[in-house]
All heavy atoms as atom14 arrays in JSON, in Angstrom:
{
  "sequence": "EYTDASKFIFVNSVDGYYLTLDDDLQVGETYVQDTIKECDKYGIVSYH",
  "atom14_mask": [
    [1, 1, 1, 1, 1, 1, 1, 1, 1, 0, 0, 0, 0, 0],
    [1, 1, 1, 1, 1, 1, 1, 1, 1, 1, 1, 1, 0, 0],
    [1, 1, 1, 1, 1, 1, 1, 0, 0, 0, 0, 0, 0, 0],
    [1, 1, 1, 1, 1, 1, 1, 1, 0, 0, 0, 0, 0, 0],
    [1, 1, 1, 1, 1, 0, 0, 0, 0, 0, 0, 0, 0, 0],
    [1, 1, 1, 1, 1, 1, 0, 0, 0, 0, 0, 0, 0, 0],
    [1, 1, 1, 1, 1, 1, 1, 1, 1, 0, 0, 0, 0, 0],
    [1, 1, 1, 1, 1, 1, 1, 1, 1, 1, 1, 0, 0, 0],
    [1, 1, 1, 1, 1, 1, 1, 1, 0, 0, 0, 0, 0, 0],
    [1, 1, 1, 1, 1, 1, 1, 1, 1, 1, 1, 0, 0, 0],
    [1, 1, 1, 1, 1, 1, 1, 0, 0, 0, 0, 0, 0, 0],
    [1, 1, 1, 1, 1, 1, 1, 1, 0, 0, 0, 0, 0, 0],
    [1, 1, 1, 1, 1, 1, 0, 0, 0, 0, 0, 0, 0, 0],
    [1, 1, 1, 1, 1, 1, 1, 0, 0, 0, 0, 0, 0, 0],
    [1, 1, 1, 1, 1, 1, 1, 1, 0, 0, 0, 0, 0, 0],
    [1, 1, 1, 1, 0, 0, 0, 0, 0, 0, 0, 0, 0, 0],
    [1, 1, 1, 1, 1, 1, 1, 1, 1, 1, 1, 1, 0, 0],
    [1, 1, 1, 1, 1, 1, 1, 1, 1, 1, 1, 1, 0, 0],
    [1, 1, 1, 1, 1, 1, 1, 1, 0, 0, 0, 0, 0, 0],
    [1, 1, 1, 1, 1, 1, 1, 0, 0, 0, 0, 0, 0, 0],
    [1, 1, 1, 1, 1, 1, 1, 1, 0, 0, 0, 0, 0, 0],
    [1, 1, 1, 1, 1, 1, 1, 1, 0, 0, 0, 0, 0, 0],
    [1, 1, 1, 1, 1, 1, 1, 1, 0, 0, 0, 0, 0, 0],
    [1, 1, 1, 1, 1, 1, 1, 1, 0, 0, 0, 0, 0, 0],
    [1, 1, 1, 1, 1, 1, 1, 1, 0, 0, 0, 0, 0, 0],
    [1, 1, 1, 1, 1, 1, 1, 1, 1, 0, 0, 0, 0, 0],
    [1, 1, 1, 1, 1, 1, 1, 0, 0, 0, 0, 0, 0, 0],
    [1, 1, 1, 1, 0, 0, 0, 0, 0, 0, 0, 0, 0, 0],
    [1, 1, 1, 1, 1, 1, 1, 1, 1, 0, 0, 0, 0, 0],
    [1, 1, 1, 1, 1, 1, 1, 0, 0, 0, 0, 0, 0, 0],
    [1, 1, 1, 1, 1, 1, 1, 1, 1, 1, 1, 1, 0, 0],
    [1, 1, 1, 1, 1, 1, 1, 0, 0, 0, 0, 0, 0, 0],
    [1, 1, 1, 1, 1, 1, 1, 1, 1, 0, 0, 0, 0, 0],
    [1, 1, 1, 1, 1, 1, 1, 1, 0, 0, 0, 0, 0, 0],
    [1, 1, 1, 1, 1, 1, 1, 0, 0, 0, 0, 0, 0, 0],
    [1, 1, 1, 1, 1, 1, 1, 1, 0, 0, 0, 0, 0, 0],
    [1, 1, 1, 1, 1, 1, 1, 1, 1, 0, 0, 0, 0, 0],
    [1, 1, 1, 1, 1, 1, 1, 1, 1, 0, 0, 0, 0, 0],
    [1, 1, 1, 1, 1, 1, 0, 0, 0, 0, 0, 0, 0, 0],
    [1, 1, 1, 1, 1, 1, 1, 1, 0, 0, 0, 0, 0, 0],
    [1, 1, 1, 1, 1, 1, 1, 1, 1, 0, 0, 0, 0, 0],
    [1, 1, 1, 1, 1, 1, 1, 1, 1, 1, 1, 1, 0, 0],
    [1, 1, 1, 1, 0, 0, 0, 0, 0, 0, 0, 0, 0, 0],
    [1, 1, 1, 1, 1, 1, 1, 1, 0, 0, 0, 0, 0, 0],
    [1, 1, 1, 1, 1, 1, 1, 0, 0, 0, 0, 0, 0, 0],
    [1, 1, 1, 1, 1, 1, 0, 0, 0, 0, 0, 0, 0, 0],
    [1, 1, 1, 1, 1, 1, 1, 1, 1, 1, 1, 1, 0, 0],
    [1, 1, 1, 1, 1, 1, 1, 1, 1, 1, 0, 0, 0, 0]
  ],
  "atom14_positions": [
    [[0.81, -1.22, 0.0], [0.0, 0.0, 0.0], [0.85, 1.27, 0.0], [0.51, 2.24, -0.65], [-0.91, -0.01, 1.23], [-1.71, 1.27, 1.42], [-2.49, 1.28, 2.72], [-2.5, 0.27, 3.46], [-3.1, 2.32, 3.01], [0.0, 0.0, 0.0], [0.0, 0.0, 0.0], [0.0, 0.0, 0.0], [0.0, 0.0, 0.0], [0.0, 0.0, 0.0]],
    [[1.94, 1.26, 0.73], [2.77, 2.46, 0.86], [3.94, 2.49, -0.11], [4.78, 3.39, -0.04], [3.3, 2.57, 2.3], [2.19, 2.72, 3.31], [1.87, 1.66, 4.16], [1.46, 3.89, 3.41], [0.86, 1.79, 5.1], [0.44, 4.03, 4.33], [0.15, 2.97, 5.17], [-0.85, 3.1, 6.09], [0.0, 0.0, 0.0], [0.0, 0.0, 0.0]],
    [[4.04, 1.55, -1.0], [5.13, 1.41, -1.97], [6.47, 1.71, -1.3], [6.77, 1.15, -0.26], [4.89, 2.27, -3.24], [4.88, 3.65, -2.91], [3.59, 1.89, -3.93], [0.0, 0.0, 0.0], [0.0, 0.0, 0.0], [0.0, 0.0, 0.0], [0.0, 0.0, 0.0], [0.0, 0.0, 0.0], [0.0, 0.0, 0.0], [0.0, 0.0, 0.0]],
    [[7.26, 2.61, -1.88], [8.6, 2.86, -1.35], [8.6, 3.59, 0.0], [9.62, 3.59, 0.7], [9.46, 3.62, -2.37], [8.9, 4.98, -2.74], [7.69, 5.22, -2.58], [9.7, 5.82, -3.2], [0.0, 0.0, 0.0], [0.0, 0.0, 0.0], [0.0, 0.0, 0.0], [0.0, 0.0, 0.0], [0.0, 0.0, 0.0], [0.0, 0.0, 0.0]],
    [[7.5, 4.17, 0.4], [7.42, 4.81, 1.72], [7.31, 3.79, 2.85], [7.45, 4.14, 4.02], [6.23, 5.77, 1.77], [0.0, 0.0, 0.0], [0.0, 0.0, 0.0], [0.0, 0.0, 0.0], [0.0, 0.0, 0.0], [0.0, 0.0, 0.0], [0.0, 0.0, 0.0], [0.0, 0.0, 0.0], [0.0, 0.0, 0.0], [0.0, 0.0, 0.0]],
    [[7.11, 2.51, 2.5], [7.0, 1.46, 3.51], [8.21, 1.42, 4.42], [8.11, 1.03, 5.58], [6.82, 0.1, 2.85], [5.6, 0.04, 2.17], [0.0, 0.0, 0.0], [0.0, 0.0, 0.0], [0.0, 0.0, 0.0], [0.0, 0.0, 0.0], [0.0, 0.0, 0.0], [0.0, 0.0, 0.0], [0.0, 0.0, 0.0], [0.0, 0.0, 0.0]],
    [[9.35, 1.84, 3.92], [10.56, 1.79, 4.74], [10.49, 2.73, 5.93], [11.31, 2.65, 6.83], [11.8, 2.05, 3.89], [11.84, 3.39, 3.21], [13.06, 3.59, 2.32], [12.98, 2.97, 0.99], [12.42, 3.69, -0.1], [0.0, 0.0, 0.0], [0.0, 0.0, 0.0], [0.0, 0.0, 0.0], [0.0, 0.0, 0.0], [0.0, 0.0, 0.0]],
    [[9.5, 3.61, 5.97], [9.35, 4.56, 7.08], [8.22, 4.19, 8.05], [7.96, 4.92, 9.0], [9.13, 5.98, 6.54], [10.31, 6.49, 5.78], [10.34, 6.43, 4.4], [11.42, 7.01, 6.44], [11.44, 6.9, 3.68], [12.52, 7.46, 5.75], [12.54, 7.41, 4.36], [0.0, 0.0, 0.0], [0.0, 0.0, 0.0], [0.0, 0.0, 0.0]],
    [[7.57, 3.06, 7.85], [6.43, 2.67, 8.68], [6.78, 2.61, 10.17], [5.99, 2.99, 11.01], [5.83, 1.33, 8.2], [5.06, 1.54, 6.9], [4.94, 0.71, 9.25], [4.49, 0.28, 6.3], [0.0, 0.0, 0.0], [0.0, 0.0, 0.0], [0.0, 0.0, 0.0], [0.0, 0.0, 0.0], [0.0, 0.0, 0.0], [0.0, 0.0, 0.0]],
    [[7.97, 2.17, 10.49], [8.33, 1.96, 11.9], [9.09, 3.13, 12.52], [9.54, 3.04, 13.66], [9.14, 0.67, 12.05], [8.38, -0.53, 11.59], [8.74, -1.17, 10.41], [7.3, -1.01, 12.31], [8.03, -2.28, 9.97], [6.59, -2.11, 11.88], [6.95, -2.76, 10.7], [0.0, 0.0, 0.0], [0.0, 0.0, 0.0], [0.0, 0.0, 0.0]],
    [[9.21, 4.24, 11.8], [10.04, 5.35, 12.29], [9.56, 5.89, 13.64], [10.37, 6.27, 14.47], [10.15, 6.47, 11.22], [8.89, 7.31, 11.13], [11.36, 7.33, 11.47], [0.0, 0.0, 0.0], [0.0, 0.0, 0.0], [0.0, 0.0, 0.0], [0.0, 0.0, 0.0], [0.0, 0.0, 0.0], [0.0, 0.0, 0.0], [0.0, 0.0, 0.0]],
    [[8.27, 5.88, 13.9], [7.76, 6.41, 15.17], [7.98, 5.48, 16.35], [7.86, 5.89, 17.5], [6.27, 6.76, 15.05], [6.08, 8.06, 14.31], [6.83, 9.0, 14.51], [5.09, 8.1, 13.44], [0.0, 0.0, 0.0], [0.0, 0.0, 0.0], [0.0, 0.0, 0.0], [0.0, 0.0, 0.0], [0.0, 0.0, 0.0], [0.0, 0.0, 0.0]],
    [[8.33, 4.23, 16.08], [8.58, 3.29, 17.17], [10.07, 3.1, 17.44], [10.44, 2.26, 18.26], [7.91, 1.94, 16.89], [8.42, 1.38, 15.7], [0.0, 0.0, 0.0], [0.0, 0.0, 0.0], [0.0, 0.0, 0.0], [0.0, 0.0, 0.0], [0.0, 0.0, 0.0], [0.0, 0.0, 0.0], [0.0, 0.0, 0.0], [0.0, 0.0, 0.0]],
    [[10.9, 3.87, 16.77], [12.35, 3.77, 16.95], [12.86, 5.01, 17.66], [12.51, 6.14, 17.32], [13.07, 3.61, 15.59], [14.57, 3.71, 15.74], [12.67, 2.3, 14.93], [0.0, 0.0, 0.0], [0.0, 0.0, 0.0], [0.0, 0.0, 0.0], [0.0, 0.0, 0.0], [0.0, 0.0, 0.0], [0.0, 0.0, 0.0], [0.0, 0.0, 0.0]],
    [[13.7, 4.79, 18.65], [14.37, 5.88, 19.36], [15.86, 5.7, 19.12], [16.53, 4.93, 19.81], [14.04, 5.83, 20.85], [14.63, 7.01, 21.61], [14.86, 8.07, 21.0], [14.87, 6.85, 22.82], [0.0, 0.0, 0.0], [0.0, 0.0, 0.0], [0.0, 0.0, 0.0], [0.0, 0.0, 0.0], [0.0, 0.0, 0.0], [0.0, 0.0, 0.0]],
    [[16.37, 6.37, 18.1], [17.78, 6.24, 17.75], [17.98, 6.23, 16.26], [17.21, 6.83, 15.51], [0.0, 0.0, 0.0], [0.0, 0.0, 0.0], [0.0, 0.0, 0.0], [0.0, 0.0, 0.0], [0.0, 0.0, 0.0], [0.0, 0.0, 0.0], [0.0, 0.0, 0.0], [0.0, 0.0, 0.0], [0.0, 0.0, 0.0], [0.0, 0.0, 0.0]],
    [[19.01, 5.53, 15.8], [19.35, 5.52, 14.38], [18.31, 4.76, 13.57], [17.82, 3.72, 13.99], [20.72, 4.88, 14.16], [21.82, 5.66, 14.82], [22.42, 5.21, 15.98], [22.25, 6.88, 14.29], [23.42, 5.93, 16.6], [23.26, 7.6, 14.91], [23.84, 7.13, 16.06], [24.82, 7.84, 16.67], [0.0, 0.0, 0.0], [0.0, 0.0, 0.0]],
    [[18.01, 5.31, 12.41], [17.06, 4.69, 11.49], [17.74, 4.62, 10.14], [18.0, 5.64, 9.51], [15.77, 5.52, 11.42], [14.58, 4.77, 10.89], [13.77, 4.05, 11.76], [14.25, 4.8, 9.55], [12.66, 3.36, 11.29], [13.14, 4.11, 9.07], [12.35, 3.4, 9.94], [11.24, 2.72, 9.48], [0.0, 0.0, 0.0], [0.0, 0.0, 0.0]],
    [[18.07, 3.43, 9.72], [18.71, 3.22, 8.42], [17.72, 2.56, 7.48], [17.03, 1.6, 7.87], [19.93, 2.31, 8.55], [21.15, 2.95, 9.21], [21.17, 2.66, 10.68], [22.41, 2.49, 8.53], [0.0, 0.0, 0.0], [0.0, 0.0, 0.0], [0.0, 0.0, 0.0], [0.0, 0.0, 0.0], [0.0, 0.0, 0.0], [0.0, 0.0, 0.0]],
    [[17.62, 3.07, 6.27], [16.75, 2.48, 5.27], [17.61, 1.93, 4.15], [18.66, 2.49, 3.82], [15.76, 3.52, 4.71], [16.49, 4.6, 4.12], [14.84, 4.04, 5.79], [0.0, 0.0, 0.0], [0.0, 0.0, 0.0], [0.0, 0.0, 0.0], [0.0, 0.0, 0.0], [0.0, 0.0, 0.0], [0.0, 0.0, 0.0], [0.0, 0.0, 0.0]],
    [[17.18, 0.83, 3.57], [17.9, 0.21, 2.47], [16.9, -0.44, 1.54], [16.1, -1.29, 1.98], [18.89, -0.84, 3.01], [19.84, -1.44, 2.0], [20.81, -0.39, 1.45], [20.62, -2.59, 2.63], [0.0, 0.0, 0.0], [0.0, 0.0, 0.0], [0.0, 0.0, 0.0], [0.0, 0.0, 0.0], [0.0, 0.0, 0.0], [0.0, 0.0, 0.0]],
    [[16.92, -0.05, 0.28], [16.03, -0.66, -0.69], [16.3, -2.16, -0.78], [17.44, -2.6, -0.64], [16.2, -0.02, -2.06], [15.48, 1.32, -2.18], [14.67, 1.65, -1.29], [15.73, 2.04, -3.17], [0.0, 0.0, 0.0], [0.0, 0.0, 0.0], [0.0, 0.0, 0.0], [0.0, 0.0, 0.0], [0.0, 0.0, 0.0], [0.0, 0.0, 0.0]],
    [[15.25, -2.91, -1.05], [15.35, -4.37, -1.02], [16.13, -4.96, -2.19], [16.43, -6.15, -2.18], [13.97, -5.01, -0.92], [13.05, -4.66, -2.08], [13.47, -3.94, -3.01], [11.9, -5.1, -2.06], [0.0, 0.0, 0.0], [0.0, 0.0, 0.0], [0.0, 0.0, 0.0], [0.0, 0.0, 0.0], [0.0, 0.0, 0.0], [0.0, 0.0, 0.0]],
    [[16.51, -4.17, -3.17], [17.3, -4.69, -4.29], [18.79, -4.38, -4.15], [19.57, -4.65, -5.05], [16.76, -4.18, -5.62], [16.75, -2.66, -5.74], [17.02, -1.96, -4.74], [16.45, -2.16, -6.85], [0.0, 0.0, 0.0], [0.0, 0.0, 0.0], [0.0, 0.0, 0.0], [0.0, 0.0, 0.0], [0.0, 0.0, 0.0], [0.0, 0.0, 0.0]],
    [[19.19, -3.82, -2.99], [20.58, -3.43, -2.78], [21.25, -4.32, -1.74], [20.6, -4.89, -0.87], [20.66, -1.97, -2.32], [20.12, -0.94, -3.3], [20.15, 0.44, -2.66], [20.88, -0.96, -4.61], [0.0, 0.0, 0.0], [0.0, 0.0, 0.0], [0.0, 0.0, 0.0], [0.0, 0.0, 0.0], [0.0, 0.0, 0.0], [0.0, 0.0, 0.0]],
    [[22.56, -4.38, -1.83], [23.36, -5.04, -0.8], [24.54, -4.13, -0.47], [25.01, -3.38, -1.31], [23.82, -6.43, -1.23], [24.71, -6.47, -2.43], [25.08, -7.9, -2.82], [24.54, -8.86, -2.29], [26.0, -8.04, -3.74], [0.0, 0.0, 0.0], [0.0, 0.0, 0.0], [0.0, 0.0, 0.0], [0.0, 0.0, 0.0], [0.0, 0.0, 0.0]],
    [[24.97, -4.22, 0.78], [26.05, -3.36, 1.28], [27.09, -4.23, 1.98], [26.82, -5.37, 2.33], [25.51, -2.29, 2.24], [24.56, -1.35, 1.51], [24.8, -2.91, 3.44], [0.0, 0.0, 0.0], [0.0, 0.0, 0.0], [0.0, 0.0, 0.0], [0.0, 0.0, 0.0], [0.0, 0.0, 0.0], [0.0, 0.0, 0.0], [0.0, 0.0, 0.0]],
    [[28.24, -3.64, 2.22], [29.33, -4.37, 2.86], [29.24, -4.37, 4.38], [28.34, -3.76, 4.98], [0.0, 0.0, 0.0], [0.0, 0.0, 0.0], [0.0, 0.0, 0.0], [0.0, 0.0, 0.0], [0.0, 0.0, 0.0], [0.0, 0.0, 0.0], [0.0, 0.0, 0.0], [0.0, 0.0, 0.0], [0.0, 0.0, 0.0], [0.0, 0.0, 0.0]],
    [[30.2, -5.04, 4.99], [30.21, -5.25, 6.44], [30.3, -3.96, 7.24], [29.81, -3.91, 8.37], [31.37, -6.16, 6.82], [31.22, -7.58, 6.35], [32.41, -8.44, 6.73], [33.21, -8.03, 7.6], [32.53, -9.53, 6.15], [0.0, 0.0, 0.0], [0.0, 0.0, 0.0], [0.0, 0.0, 0.0], [0.0, 0.0, 0.0], [0.0, 0.0, 0.0]],
    [[30.94, -2.93, 6.72], [31.15, -1.7, 7.49], [30.1, -0.63, 7.2], [30.17, 0.46, 7.75], [32.55, -1.12, 7.25], [32.66, -0.72, 5.86], [33.64, -2.14, 7.59], [0.0, 0.0, 0.0], [0.0, 0.0, 0.0], [0.0, 0.0, 0.0], [0.0, 0.0, 0.0], [0.0, 0.0, 0.0], [0.0, 0.0, 0.0], [0.0, 0.0, 0.0]],
    [[29.16, -0.94, 6.34], [28.17, 0.06, 5.91], [27.44, 0.71, 7.1], [27.33, 1.93, 7.17], [27.16, -0.58, 4.95], [26.05, 0.35, 4.53], [26.22, 1.22, 3.46], [24.82, 0.36, 5.19], [25.2, 2.08, 3.06], [23.8, 1.21, 4.81], [24.0, 2.07, 3.73], [22.99, 2.91, 3.35], [0.0, 0.0, 0.0], [0.0, 0.0, 0.0]],
    [[26.92, -0.08, 8.0], [26.14, 0.47, 9.12], [27.01, 1.38, 9.98], [26.64, 2.53, 10.26], [25.48, -0.65, 9.96], [24.84, -0.08, 11.22], [24.44, -1.38, 9.12], [0.0, 0.0, 0.0], [0.0, 0.0, 0.0], [0.0, 0.0, 0.0], [0.0, 0.0, 0.0], [0.0, 0.0, 0.0], [0.0, 0.0, 0.0], [0.0, 0.0, 0.0]],
    [[28.17, 0.92, 10.38], [29.06, 1.73, 11.22], [29.52, 2.99, 10.49], [29.53, 4.09, 11.09], [30.31, 0.92, 11.65], [30.01, -0.26, 12.52], [29.7, -1.53, 11.7], [29.43, -1.52, 10.51], [29.71, -2.65, 12.4], [0.0, 0.0, 0.0], [0.0, 0.0, 0.0], [0.0, 0.0, 0.0], [0.0, 0.0, 0.0], [0.0, 0.0, 0.0]],
    [[29.9, 2.86, 9.22], [30.33, 4.02, 8.43], [29.22, 5.05, 8.32], [29.44, 6.26, 8.48], [30.71, 3.6, 7.0], [31.91, 2.66, 6.92], [32.66, 2.54, 7.91], [32.07, 2.05, 5.85], [0.0, 0.0, 0.0], [0.0, 0.0, 0.0], [0.0, 0.0, 0.0], [0.0, 0.0, 0.0], [0.0, 0.0, 0.0], [0.0, 0.0, 0.0]],
    [[28.02, 4.58, 8.05], [26.88, 5.47, 7.81], [26.46, 6.16, 9.11], [26.16, 7.37, 9.11], [25.72, 4.7, 7.17], [26.21, 4.05, 5.99], [24.58, 5.62, 6.81], [0.0, 0.0, 0.0], [0.0, 0.0, 0.0], [0.0, 0.0, 0.0], [0.0, 0.0, 0.0], [0.0, 0.0, 0.0], [0.0, 0.0, 0.0], [0.0, 0.0, 0.0]],
    [[26.46, 5.45, 10.22], [26.12, 6.07, 11.51], [27.14, 7.15, 11.87], [26.78, 8.22, 12.35], [26.0, 5.0, 12.6], [24.69, 4.22, 12.4], [26.06, 5.6, 14.0], [24.53, 3.03, 13.32], [0.0, 0.0, 0.0], [0.0, 0.0, 0.0], [0.0, 0.0, 0.0], [0.0, 0.0, 0.0], [0.0, 0.0, 0.0], [0.0, 0.0, 0.0]],
    [[28.41, 6.89, 11.61], [29.46, 7.89, 11.88], [29.18, 9.18, 11.1], [29.27, 10.28, 11.64], [30.82, 7.32, 11.51], [31.97, 8.26, 11.73], [33.29, 7.6, 11.33], [34.42, 8.61, 11.42], [35.67, 8.05, 10.89], [0.0, 0.0, 0.0], [0.0, 0.0, 0.0], [0.0, 0.0, 0.0], [0.0, 0.0, 0.0], [0.0, 0.0, 0.0]],
    [[28.81, 9.04, 9.83], [28.51, 10.21, 9.0], [27.2, 10.87, 9.45], [27.06, 12.09, 9.4], [28.46, 9.82, 7.52], [29.79, 9.33, 6.99], [30.9, 10.36, 7.09], [30.7, 11.51, 6.68], [31.99, 10.01, 7.59], [0.0, 0.0, 0.0], [0.0, 0.0, 0.0], [0.0, 0.0, 0.0], [0.0, 0.0, 0.0], [0.0, 0.0, 0.0]],
    [[26.24, 10.07, 9.87], [24.98, 10.6, 10.39], [25.23, 11.46, 11.61], [24.65, 12.55, 11.75], [24.04, 9.44, 10.71], [22.46, 9.92, 11.41], [0.0, 0.0, 0.0], [0.0, 0.0, 0.0], [0.0, 0.0, 0.0], [0.0, 0.0, 0.0], [0.0, 0.0, 0.0], [0.0, 0.0, 0.0], [0.0, 0.0, 0.0], [0.0, 0.0, 0.0]],
    [[26.11, 11.01, 12.49], [26.45, 11.81, 13.68], [27.06, 13.14, 13.3], [26.85, 14.15, 13.97], [27.43, 11.04, 14.57], [26.78, 9.91, 15.34], [25.53, 9.9, 15.46], [27.52, 9.02, 15.82], [0.0, 0.0, 0.0], [0.0, 0.0, 0.0], [0.0, 0.0, 0.0], [0.0, 0.0, 0.0], [0.0, 0.0, 0.0], [0.0, 0.0, 0.0]],
    [[27.77, 13.16, 12.2], [28.45, 14.38, 11.75], [27.5, 15.34, 11.02], [27.55, 16.54, 11.23], [29.6, 13.98, 10.83], [30.51, 15.08, 10.38], [31.67, 14.48, 9.61], [32.61, 15.54, 9.11], [33.72, 14.94, 8.34], [0.0, 0.0, 0.0], [0.0, 0.0, 0.0], [0.0, 0.0, 0.0], [0.0, 0.0, 0.0], [0.0, 0.0, 0.0]],
    [[26.61, 14.78, 10.18], [25.79, 15.61, 9.28], [24.3, 15.67, 9.62], [23.61, 16.57, 9.17], [25.96, 15.14, 7.84], [27.35, 15.36, 7.3], [28.23, 14.3, 7.14], [27.79, 16.63, 6.96], [29.51, 14.49, 6.65], [29.06, 16.83, 6.47], [29.92, 15.76, 6.31], [31.18, 15.96, 5.83], [0.0, 0.0, 0.0], [0.0, 0.0, 0.0]],
    [[23.76, 14.71, 10.32], [22.33, 14.73, 10.66], [21.49, 13.77, 9.86], [21.01, 12.78, 10.37], [0.0, 0.0, 0.0], [0.0, 0.0, 0.0], [0.0, 0.0, 0.0], [0.0, 0.0, 0.0], [0.0, 0.0, 0.0], [0.0, 0.0, 0.0], [0.0, 0.0, 0.0], [0.0, 0.0, 0.0], [0.0, 0.0, 0.0], [0.0, 0.0, 0.0]],
    [[21.3, 14.04, 8.57], [20.55, 13.15, 7.68], [21.46, 12.88, 6.49], [21.94, 13.83, 5.85], [19.23, 13.77, 7.19], [18.39, 14.29, 8.35], [18.44, 12.76, 6.36], [17.21, 15.16, 7.92], [0.0, 0.0, 0.0], [0.0, 0.0, 0.0], [0.0, 0.0, 0.0], [0.0, 0.0, 0.0], [0.0, 0.0, 0.0], [0.0, 0.0, 0.0]],
    [[21.7, 11.61, 6.18], [22.63, 11.28, 5.1], [22.03, 10.25, 4.16], [21.13, 9.48, 4.51], [23.98, 10.76, 5.67], [24.67, 11.85, 6.48], [23.79, 9.51, 6.51], [0.0, 0.0, 0.0], [0.0, 0.0, 0.0], [0.0, 0.0, 0.0], [0.0, 0.0, 0.0], [0.0, 0.0, 0.0], [0.0, 0.0, 0.0], [0.0, 0.0, 0.0]],
    [[22.57, 10.25, 2.95], [22.18, 9.3, 1.92], [23.38, 9.08, 1.0], [24.37, 9.81, 1.07], [20.99, 9.85, 1.12], [20.61, 8.94, 0.1], [0.0, 0.0, 0.0], [0.0, 0.0, 0.0], [0.0, 0.0, 0.0], [0.0, 0.0, 0.0], [0.0, 0.0, 0.0], [0.0, 0.0, 0.0], [0.0, 0.0, 0.0], [0.0, 0.0, 0.0]],
    [[23.27, 8.1, 0.13], [24.31, 7.83, -0.87], [23.76, 8.0, -2.29], [24.39, 7.56, -3.24], [24.85, 6.4, -0.71], [25.6, 6.18, 0.58], [24.95, 5.72, 1.72], [26.96, 6.43, 0.66], [25.64, 5.51, 2.9], [27.67, 6.23, 1.84], [27.0, 5.77, 2.96], [27.7, 5.57, 4.13], [0.0, 0.0, 0.0], [0.0, 0.0, 0.0]],
    [[22.62, 8.63, -2.4], [21.95, 8.77, -3.7], [21.19, 10.09, -3.68], [20.51, 10.38, -2.69], [20.98, 7.59, -3.88], [20.48, 7.4, -5.26], [21.12, 6.6, -6.17], [19.39, 7.89, -5.89], [20.44, 6.6, -7.3], [19.38, 7.38, -7.15], [0.0, 0.0, 0.0], [0.0, 0.0, 0.0], [0.0, 0.0, 0.0], [0.0, 0.0, 0.0]]
  ]
}
């Protein structure tokens, strides 16, 4: 029903980091740690 916005359905039940990843992508082992580090620096981050 929510198409690509479905990745935000649980945002109100999370207190802390919220990472979204499209279901057709894969990332490496350090992606989460790297991205959180940049999030702490910039606030809201993306790679696209």
